[in-house]
Amino acid sequence: MADTTMKVDSETRDRFAAVAAARGQSVRAYLAELAKEEENQIKLSRATAVFREIIARPGLAEAFDEAFPDDALGRQSTTGRAA
């Protein structure tokens, strides 16, 4: 992978360096990890939005209860289960 140069102001550079040092990383490794984490957050946000859209559909809870009667809300036994 080829290296590249990014221009940031000295305050931002110093902040990245301080955070990386506190984590025991180089700035390069910290920024690579940060990029991956941010990509994952974007994917998680998209998945959350889709999940919320799906569970908001009318009749979904009833269809689930019908398909999985032993797991229906309000009918689950909590005996012997950790809280």
PDB file of N, CA and C in Angstrom:
ATOM      1  N   MET A   1       0.849  -1.168   0.000  1.00  0.00           N
ATOM      2  CA  MET A   1       0.000   0.000   0.000  1.00  0.00           C
ATOM      3  C   MET A   1       0.897   1.234   0.000  1.00  0.00           C
ATOM      4  N   ALA A   2       0.607   2.159  -0.864  1.00  0.00           N
ATOM      5  CA  ALA A   2       1.411   3.373  -0.974  1.00  0.00           C
ATOM      6  C   ALA A   2       1.060   4.358   0.137  1.00  0.00           C
ATOM      7  N   ASP A   3       2.049   5.088   0.592  1.00  0.00           N
ATOM      8  CA  ASP A   3       1.829   6.132   1.590  1.00  0.00           C
ATOM      9  C   ASP A   3       1.315   7.389   0.896  1.00  0.00           C
ATOM     10  N   THR A   4       0.658   8.212   1.679  1.00  0.00           N
ATOM     11  CA  THR A   4       0.194   9.496   1.178  1.00  0.00           C
ATOM     12  C   THR A   4       0.344  10.512   2.303  1.00  0.00           C
ATOM     13  N   THR A   5       0.233  11.752   1.975  1.00  0.00           N
ATOM     14  CA  THR A   5       0.356  12.823   2.961  1.00  0.00           C
ATOM     15  C   THR A   5      -0.976  13.542   3.068  1.00  0.00           C
ATOM     16  N   MET A   6      -1.355  13.819   4.302  1.00  0.00           N
ATOM     17  CA  MET A   6      -2.571  14.592   4.554  1.00  0.00           C
ATOM     18  C   MET A   6      -2.164  15.855   5.296  1.00  0.00           C
ATOM     19  N   LYS A   7      -2.786  16.941   4.958  1.00  0.00           N
ATOM     20  CA  LYS A   7      -2.482  18.186   5.654  1.00  0.00           C
ATOM     21  C   LYS A   7      -3.581  18.463   6.670  1.00  0.00           C
ATOM     22  N   VAL A   8      -3.146  18.617   7.921  1.00  0.00           N
ATOM     23  CA  VAL A   8      -4.042  19.022   9.003  1.00  0.00           C
ATOM     24  C   VAL A   8      -3.321  20.100   9.790  1.00  0.00           C
ATOM     25  N   ASP A   9      -4.094  20.882  10.515  1.00  0.00           N
ATOM     26  CA  ASP A   9      -3.451  21.923  11.308  1.00  0.00           C
ATOM     27  C   ASP A   9      -2.670  21.275  12.454  1.00  0.00           C
ATOM     28  N   SER A  10      -1.734  22.008  13.013  1.00  0.00           N
ATOM     29  CA  SER A  10      -0.840  21.449  14.027  1.00  0.00           C
ATOM     30  C   SER A  10      -1.594  21.030  15.288  1.00  0.00           C
ATOM     31  N   GLU A  11      -2.652  21.723  15.626  1.00  0.00           N
ATOM     32  CA  GLU A  11      -3.437  21.343  16.811  1.00  0.00           C
ATOM     33  C   GLU A  11      -4.071  19.967  16.603  1.00  0.00           C
ATOM     34  N   THR A  12      -4.626  19.732  15.428  1.00  0.00           N
ATOM     35  CA  THR A  12      -5.230  18.428  15.131  1.00  0.00           C
ATOM     36  C   THR A  12      -4.164  17.340  15.110  1.00  0.00           C
ATOM     37  N   ARG A  13      -3.034  17.620  14.492  1.00  0.00           N
ATOM     38  CA  ARG A  13      -1.926  16.656  14.470  1.00  0.00           C
ATOM     39  C   ARG A  13      -1.499  16.295  15.881  1.00  0.00           C
ATOM     40  N   ASP A  14      -1.383  17.303  16.738  1.00  0.00           N
ATOM     41  CA  ASP A  14      -0.963  17.062  18.112  1.00  0.00           C
ATOM     42  C   ASP A  14      -2.003  16.253  18.880  1.00  0.00           C
ATOM     43  N   ARG A  15      -3.258  16.505  18.619  1.00  0.00           N
ATOM     44  CA  ARG A  15      -4.327  15.744  19.281  1.00  0.00           C
ATOM     45  C   ARG A  15      -4.298  14.290  18.848  1.00  0.00           C
ATOM     46  N   PHE A  16      -4.125  14.047  17.549  1.00  0.00           N
ATOM     47  CA  PHE A  16      -4.007  12.665  17.066  1.00  0.00           C
ATOM     48  C   PHE A  16      -2.803  11.983  17.704  1.00  0.00           C
ATOM     49  N   ALA A  17      -1.700  12.683  17.767  1.00  0.00           N
ATOM     50  CA  ALA A  17      -0.477  12.114  18.343  1.00  0.00           C
ATOM     51  C   ALA A  17      -0.672  11.783  19.819  1.00  0.00           C
ATOM     52  N   ALA A  18      -1.337  12.659  20.555  1.00  0.00           N
ATOM     53  CA  ALA A  18      -1.564  12.429  21.985  1.00  0.00           C
ATOM     54  C   ALA A  18      -2.482  11.232  22.216  1.00  0.00           C
ATOM     55  N   VAL A  19      -3.534  11.136  21.441  1.00  0.00           N
ATOM     56  CA  VAL A  19      -4.457  10.000  21.586  1.00  0.00           C
ATOM     57  C   VAL A  19      -3.749   8.704  21.207  1.00  0.00           C
ATOM     58  N   ALA A  20      -3.020   8.726  20.118  1.00  0.00           N
ATOM     59  CA  ALA A  20      -2.295   7.528  19.686  1.00  0.00           C
ATOM     60  C   ALA A  20      -1.297   7.096  20.743  1.00  0.00           C
ATOM     61  N   ALA A  21      -0.557   8.038  21.304  1.00  0.00           N
ATOM     62  CA  ALA A  21       0.437   7.715  22.328  1.00  0.00           C
ATOM     63  C   ALA A  21      -0.232   7.126  23.567  1.00  0.00           C
ATOM     64  N   ALA A  22      -1.367   7.688  23.960  1.00  0.00           N
ATOM     65  CA  ALA A  22      -2.089   7.186  25.128  1.00  0.00           C
ATOM     66  C   ALA A  22      -2.568   5.755  24.908  1.00  0.00           C
ATOM     67  N   ARG A  23      -2.792   5.403  23.660  1.00  0.00           N
ATOM     68  CA  ARG A  23      -3.234   4.046  23.329  1.00  0.00           C
ATOM     69  C   ARG A  23      -2.063   3.122  22.992  1.00  0.00           C
ATOM     70  N   GLY A  24      -0.867   3.664  23.049  1.00  0.00           N
ATOM     71  CA  GLY A  24       0.311   2.867  22.742  1.00  0.00           C
ATOM     72  C   GLY A  24       0.437   2.549  21.263  1.00  0.00           C
ATOM     73  N   GLN A  25      -0.039   3.449  20.422  1.00  0.00           N
ATOM     74  CA  GLN A  25      -0.017   3.233  18.978  1.00  0.00           C
ATOM     75  C   GLN A  25       0.721   4.362  18.281  1.00  0.00           C
ATOM     76  N   SER A  26       1.109   4.070  17.062  1.00  0.00           N
ATOM     77  CA  SER A  26       1.615   5.146  16.210  1.00  0.00           C
ATOM     78  C   SER A  26       0.397   5.905  15.687  1.00  0.00           C
ATOM     79  N   VAL A  27       0.630   7.111  15.207  1.00  0.00           N
ATOM     80  CA  VAL A  27      -0.475   7.879  14.615  1.00  0.00           C
ATOM     81  C   VAL A  27      -1.034   7.122  13.416  1.00  0.00           C
ATOM     82  N   ARG A  28      -0.154   6.524  12.632  1.00  0.00           N
ATOM     83  CA  ARG A  28      -0.586   5.759  11.456  1.00  0.00           C
ATOM     84  C   ARG A  28      -1.520   4.622  11.862  1.00  0.00           C
ATOM     85  N   ALA A  29      -1.135   3.845  12.877  1.00  0.00           N
ATOM     86  CA  ALA A  29      -1.957   2.720  13.336  1.00  0.00           C
ATOM     87  C   ALA A  29      -3.263   3.217  13.942  1.00  0.00           C
ATOM     88  N   TYR A  30      -3.189   4.304  14.712  1.00  0.00           N
ATOM     89  CA  TYR A  30      -4.402   4.866  15.314  1.00  0.00           C
ATOM     90  C   TYR A  30      -5.386   5.319  14.247  1.00  0.00           C
ATOM     91  N   LEU A  31      -4.903   6.039  13.238  1.00  0.00           N
ATOM     92  CA  LEU A  31      -5.798   6.524  12.187  1.00  0.00           C
ATOM     93  C   LEU A  31      -6.402   5.372  11.387  1.00  0.00           C
ATOM     94  N   ALA A  32      -5.627   4.317  11.158  1.00  0.00           N
ATOM     95  CA  ALA A  32      -6.156   3.148  10.444  1.00  0.00           C
ATOM     96  C   ALA A  32      -7.270   2.503  11.261  1.00  0.00           C
ATOM     97  N   GLU A  33      -7.039   2.359  12.565  1.00  0.00           N
ATOM     98  CA  GLU A  33      -8.055   1.778  13.441  1.00  0.00           C
ATOM     99  C   GLU A  33      -9.284   2.680  13.518  1.00  0.00           C
ATOM    100  N   LEU A  34      -9.064   3.970  13.634  1.00  0.00           N
ATOM    101  CA  LEU A  34     -10.161   4.931  13.701  1.00  0.00           C
ATOM    102  C   LEU A  34     -11.035   4.862  12.452  1.00  0.00           C
ATOM    103  N   ALA A  35     -10.407   4.750  11.290  1.00  0.00           N
ATOM    104  CA  ALA A  35     -11.155   4.650  10.043  1.00  0.00           C
ATOM    105  C   ALA A  35     -12.026   3.394  10.029  1.00  0.00           C
ATOM    106  N   LYS A  36     -11.462   2.265  10.469  1.00  0.00           N
ATOM    107  CA  LYS A  36     -12.242   1.021  10.522  1.00  0.00           C
ATOM    108  C   LYS A  36     -13.409   1.140  11.481  1.00  0.00           C
ATOM    109  N   GLU A  37     -13.164   1.723  12.639  1.00  0.00           N
ATOM    110  CA  GLU A  37     -14.231   1.896  13.628  1.00  0.00           C
ATOM    111  C   GLU A  37     -15.352   2.779  13.073  1.00  0.00           C
ATOM    112  N   GLU A  38     -14.984   3.837  12.392  1.00  0.00           N
ATOM    113  CA  GLU A  38     -15.989   4.737  11.822  1.00  0.00           C
ATOM    114  C   GLU A  38     -16.785   4.044  10.716  1.00  0.00           C
ATOM    115  N   GLU A  39     -16.104   3.248   9.889  1.00  0.00           N
ATOM    116  CA  GLU A  39     -16.801   2.477   8.858  1.00  0.00           C
ATOM    117  C   GLU A  39     -17.801   1.523   9.502  1.00  0.00           C
ATOM    118  N   ASN A  40     -17.388   0.866  10.590  1.00  0.00           N
ATOM    119  CA  ASN A  40     -18.282  -0.044  11.291  1.00  0.00           C
ATOM    120  C   ASN A  40     -19.476   0.686  11.892  1.00  0.00           C
ATOM    121  N   GLN A  41     -19.253   1.882  12.421  1.00  0.00           N
ATOM    122  CA  GLN A  41     -20.349   2.660  12.985  1.00  0.00           C
ATOM    123  C   GLN A  41     -21.366   3.047  11.911  1.00  0.00           C
ATOM    124  N   ILE A  42     -20.876   3.401  10.741  1.00  0.00           N
ATOM    125  CA  ILE A  42     -21.777   3.738   9.627  1.00  0.00           C
ATOM    126  C   ILE A  42     -22.616   2.522   9.257  1.00  0.00           C
ATOM    127  N   LYS A  43     -21.977   1.355   9.142  1.00  0.00           N
ATOM    128  CA  LYS A  43     -22.703   0.126   8.815  1.00  0.00           C
ATOM    129  C   LYS A  43     -23.706  -0.216   9.904  1.00  0.00           C
ATOM    130  N   LEU A  44     -23.315  -0.064  11.163  1.00  0.00           N
ATOM    131  CA  LEU A  44     -24.209  -0.359  12.271  1.00  0.00           C
ATOM    132  C   LEU A  44     -25.406   0.592  12.279  1.00  0.00           C
ATOM    133  N   SER A  45     -25.161   1.852  11.991  1.00  0.00           N
ATOM    134  CA  SER A  45     -26.264   2.819  11.928  1.00  0.00           C
ATOM    135  C   SER A  45     -27.248   2.467  10.823  1.00  0.00           C
ATOM    136  N   ARG A  46     -26.732   2.059   9.673  1.00  0.00           N
ATOM    137  CA  ARG A  46     -27.605   1.647   8.569  1.00  0.00           C
ATOM    138  C   ARG A  46     -28.400   0.411   8.944  1.00  0.00           C
ATOM    139  N   ALA A  47     -27.738  -0.569   9.555  1.00  0.00           N
ATOM    140  CA  ALA A  47     -28.424  -1.789   9.961  1.00  0.00           C
ATOM    141  C   ALA A  47     -29.485  -1.494  11.015  1.00  0.00           C
ATOM    142  N   THR A  48     -29.185  -0.594  11.935  1.00  0.00           N
ATOM    143  CA  THR A  48     -30.150  -0.211  12.962  1.00  0.00           C
ATOM    144  C   THR A  48     -31.379   0.431  12.333  1.00  0.00           C
ATOM    145  N   ALA A  49     -31.168   1.297  11.361  1.00  0.00           N
ATOM    146  CA  ALA A  49     -32.288   1.949  10.686  1.00  0.00           C
ATOM    147  C   ALA A  49     -33.171   0.925   9.976  1.00  0.00           C
ATOM    148  N   VAL A  50     -32.552  -0.033   9.305  1.00  0.00           N
ATOM    149  CA  VAL A  50     -33.321  -1.080   8.614  1.00  0.00           C
ATOM    150  C   VAL A  50     -34.072  -1.925   9.631  1.00  0.00           C
ATOM    151  N   PHE A  51     -33.408  -2.301  10.717  1.00  0.00           N
ATOM    152  CA  PHE A  51     -34.055  -3.097  11.752  1.00  0.00           C
ATOM    153  C   PHE A  51     -35.270  -2.366  12.316  1.00  0.00           C
ATOM    154  N   ARG A  52     -35.113  -1.081  12.633  1.00  0.00           N
ATOM    155  CA  ARG A  52     -36.230  -0.311  13.184  1.00  0.00           C
ATOM    156  C   ARG A  52     -37.373  -0.203  12.188  1.00  0.00           C
ATOM    157  N   GLU A  53     -37.036  -0.068  10.915  1.00  0.00           N
ATOM    158  CA  GLU A  53     -38.069  -0.005   9.881  1.00  0.00           C
ATOM    159  C   GLU A  53     -38.838  -1.322   9.813  1.00  0.00           C
ATOM    160  N   ILE A  54     -38.120  -2.412   9.881  1.00  0.00           N
ATOM    161  CA  ILE A  54     -38.754  -3.726   9.783  1.00  0.00           C
ATOM    162  C   ILE A  54     -39.641  -4.008  10.990  1.00  0.00           C
ATOM    163  N   ILE A  55     -39.139  -3.749  12.189  1.00  0.00           N
ATOM    164  CA  ILE A  55     -39.934  -4.085  13.372  1.00  0.00           C
ATOM    165  C   ILE A  55     -41.125  -3.152  13.559  1.00  0.00           C
ATOM    166  N   ALA A  56     -41.132  -2.027  12.858  1.00  0.00           N
ATOM    167  CA  ALA A  56     -42.262  -1.103  12.946  1.00  0.00           C
ATOM    168  C   ALA A  56     -43.415  -1.514  12.027  1.00  0.00           C
ATOM    169  N   ARG A  57     -43.187  -2.491  11.172  1.00  0.00           N
ATOM    170  CA  ARG A  57     -44.235  -2.909  10.242  1.00  0.00           C
ATOM    171  C   ARG A  57     -45.411  -3.510  11.007  1.00  0.00           C
ATOM    172  N   PRO A  58     -46.617  -3.094  10.659  1.00  0.00           N
ATOM    173  CA  PRO A  58     -47.809  -3.635  11.328  1.00  0.00           C
ATOM    174  C   PRO A  58     -47.888  -5.155  11.161  1.00  0.00           C
ATOM    175  N   GLY A  59     -48.208  -5.820  12.246  1.00  0.00           N
ATOM    176  CA  GLY A  59     -48.416  -7.256  12.215  1.00  0.00           C
ATOM    177  C   GLY A  59     -47.155  -8.085  12.397  1.00  0.00           C
ATOM    178  N   LEU A  60     -46.003  -7.456  12.440  1.00  0.00           N
ATOM    179  CA  LEU A  60     -44.760  -8.218  12.551  1.00  0.00           C
ATOM    180  C   LEU A  60     -44.695  -8.983  13.873  1.00  0.00           C
ATOM    181  N   ALA A  61     -45.016  -8.317  14.968  1.00  0.00           N
ATOM    182  CA  ALA A  61     -44.955  -8.989  16.276  1.00  0.00           C
ATOM    183  C   ALA A  61     -45.930 -10.153  16.320  1.00  0.00           C
ATOM    184  N   GLU A  62     -47.101  -9.964  15.765  1.00  0.00           N
ATOM    185  CA  GLU A  62     -48.099 -11.040  15.754  1.00  0.00           C
ATOM    186  C   GLU A  62     -47.628 -12.209  14.890  1.00  0.00           C
ATOM    187  N   ALA A  63     -47.012 -11.901  13.765  1.00  0.00           N
ATOM    188  CA  ALA A  63     -46.497 -12.955  12.887  1.00  0.00           C
ATOM    189  C   ALA A  63     -45.375 -13.723  13.587  1.00  0.00           C
ATOM    190  N   PHE A  64     -44.534 -13.017  14.317  1.00  0.00           N
ATOM    191  CA  PHE A  64     -43.468 -13.687  15.069  1.00  0.00           C
ATOM    192  C   PHE A  64     -44.067 -14.595  16.131  1.00  0.00           C
ATOM    193  N   ASP A  65     -45.047 -14.058  16.879  1.00  0.00           N
ATOM    194  CA  ASP A  65     -45.687 -14.856  17.924  1.00  0.00           C
ATOM    195  C   ASP A  65     -46.332 -16.112  17.349  1.00  0.00           C
ATOM    196  N   GLU A  66     -46.917 -15.981  16.186  1.00  0.00           N
ATOM    197  CA  GLU A  66     -47.554 -17.124  15.545  1.00  0.00           C
ATOM    198  C   GLU A  66     -46.508 -18.153  15.088  1.00  0.00           C
ATOM    199  N   ALA A  67     -45.419 -17.676  14.541  1.00  0.00           N
ATOM    200  CA  ALA A  67     -44.372 -18.569  14.041  1.00  0.00           C
ATOM    201  C   ALA A  67     -43.578 -19.213  15.174  1.00  0.00           C
ATOM    202  N   PHE A  68     -43.421 -18.486  16.274  1.00  0.00           N
ATOM    203  CA  PHE A  68     -42.620 -18.974  17.403  1.00  0.00           C
ATOM    204  C   PHE A  68     -43.414 -18.817  18.706  1.00  0.00           C
ATOM    205  N   PRO A  69     -44.455 -19.588  18.873  1.00  0.00           N
ATOM    206  CA  PRO A  69     -45.335 -19.402  20.034  1.00  0.00           C
ATOM    207  C   PRO A  69     -44.630 -19.563  21.378  1.00  0.00           C
ATOM    208  N   ASP A  70     -43.594 -20.386  21.444  1.00  0.00           N
ATOM    209  CA  ASP A  70     -42.879 -20.572  22.715  1.00  0.00           C
ATOM    210  C   ASP A  70     -42.034 -19.360  23.088  1.00  0.00           C
ATOM    211  N   ASP A  71     -41.765 -18.493  22.116  1.00  0.00           N
ATOM    212  CA  ASP A  71     -40.941 -17.309  22.357  1.00  0.00           C
ATOM    213  C   ASP A  71     -41.752 -16.021  22.395  1.00  0.00           C
ATOM    214  N   ALA A  72     -43.051 -16.126  22.323  1.00  0.00           N
ATOM    215  CA  ALA A  72     -43.903 -14.934  22.274  1.00  0.00           C
ATOM    216  C   ALA A  72     -43.742 -14.110  23.540  1.00  0.00           C
ATOM    217  N   LEU A  73     -43.681 -12.804  23.383  1.00  0.00           N
ATOM    218  CA  LEU A  73     -43.576 -11.907  24.534  1.00  0.00           C
ATOM    219  C   LEU A  73     -44.779 -12.093  25.446  1.00  0.00           C
ATOM    220  N   GLY A  74     -44.528 -11.994  26.722  1.00  0.00           N
ATOM    221  CA  GLY A  74     -45.614 -12.122  27.678  1.00  0.00           C
ATOM    222  C   GLY A  74     -45.901 -13.570  28.048  1.00  0.00           C
ATOM    223  N   ARG A  75     -45.354 -14.512  27.297  1.00  0.00           N
ATOM    224  CA  ARG A  75     -45.590 -15.924  27.590  1.00  0.00           C
ATOM    225  C   ARG A  75     -44.305 -16.629  27.980  1.00  0.00           C
ATOM    226  N   GLN A  76     -43.217 -15.894  27.991  1.00  0.00           N
ATOM    227  CA  GLN A  76     -41.934 -16.512  28.326  1.00  0.00           C
ATOM    228  C   GLN A  76     -41.843 -16.731  29.828  1.00  0.00           C
ATOM    229  N   SER A  77     -41.362 -17.864  30.190  1.00  0.00           N
ATOM    230  CA  SER A  77     -41.105 -18.161  31.585  1.00  0.00           C
ATOM    231  C   SER A  77     -39.692 -17.681  31.917  1.00  0.00           C
ATOM    232  N   THR A  78     -39.560 -16.971  32.990  1.00  0.00           N
ATOM    233  CA  THR A  78     -38.229 -16.495  33.387  1.00  0.00           C
ATOM    234  C   THR A  78     -37.643 -17.364  34.495  1.00  0.00           C
ATOM    235  N   THR A  79     -38.351 -18.437  34.841  1.00  0.00           N
ATOM    236  CA  THR A  79     -37.861 -19.344  35.876  1.00  0.00           C
ATOM    237  C   THR A  79     -36.522 -19.938  35.461  1.00  0.00           C
ATOM    238  N   GLY A  80     -35.549 -19.802  36.324  1.00  0.00           N
ATOM    239  CA  GLY A  80     -34.244 -20.403  36.064  1.00  0.00           C
ATOM    240  C   GLY A  80     -33.378 -19.610  35.108  1.00  0.00           C
ATOM    241  N   ARG A  81     -33.833 -18.455  34.676  1.00  0.00           N
ATOM    242  CA  ARG A  81     -33.033 -17.631  33.759  1.00  0.00           C
ATOM    243  C   ARG A  81     -32.418 -16.464  34.509  1.00  0.00           C
ATOM    244  N   ALA A  82     -31.246 -16.116  34.109  1.00  0.00           N
ATOM    245  CA  ALA A  82     -30.602 -14.940  34.701  1.00  0.00           C
ATOM    246  C   ALA A  82     -31.285 -13.690  34.225  1.00  0.00           C
ATOM    247  N   ALA A  83     -31.350 -12.700  35.053  1.00  0.00           N
ATOM    248  CA  ALA A  83     -32.000 -11.443  34.692  1.00  0.00           C
ATOM    249  C   ALA A  83     -31.143 -10.648  33.752  1.00  0.00           C
TER     250      ALA A  83
END
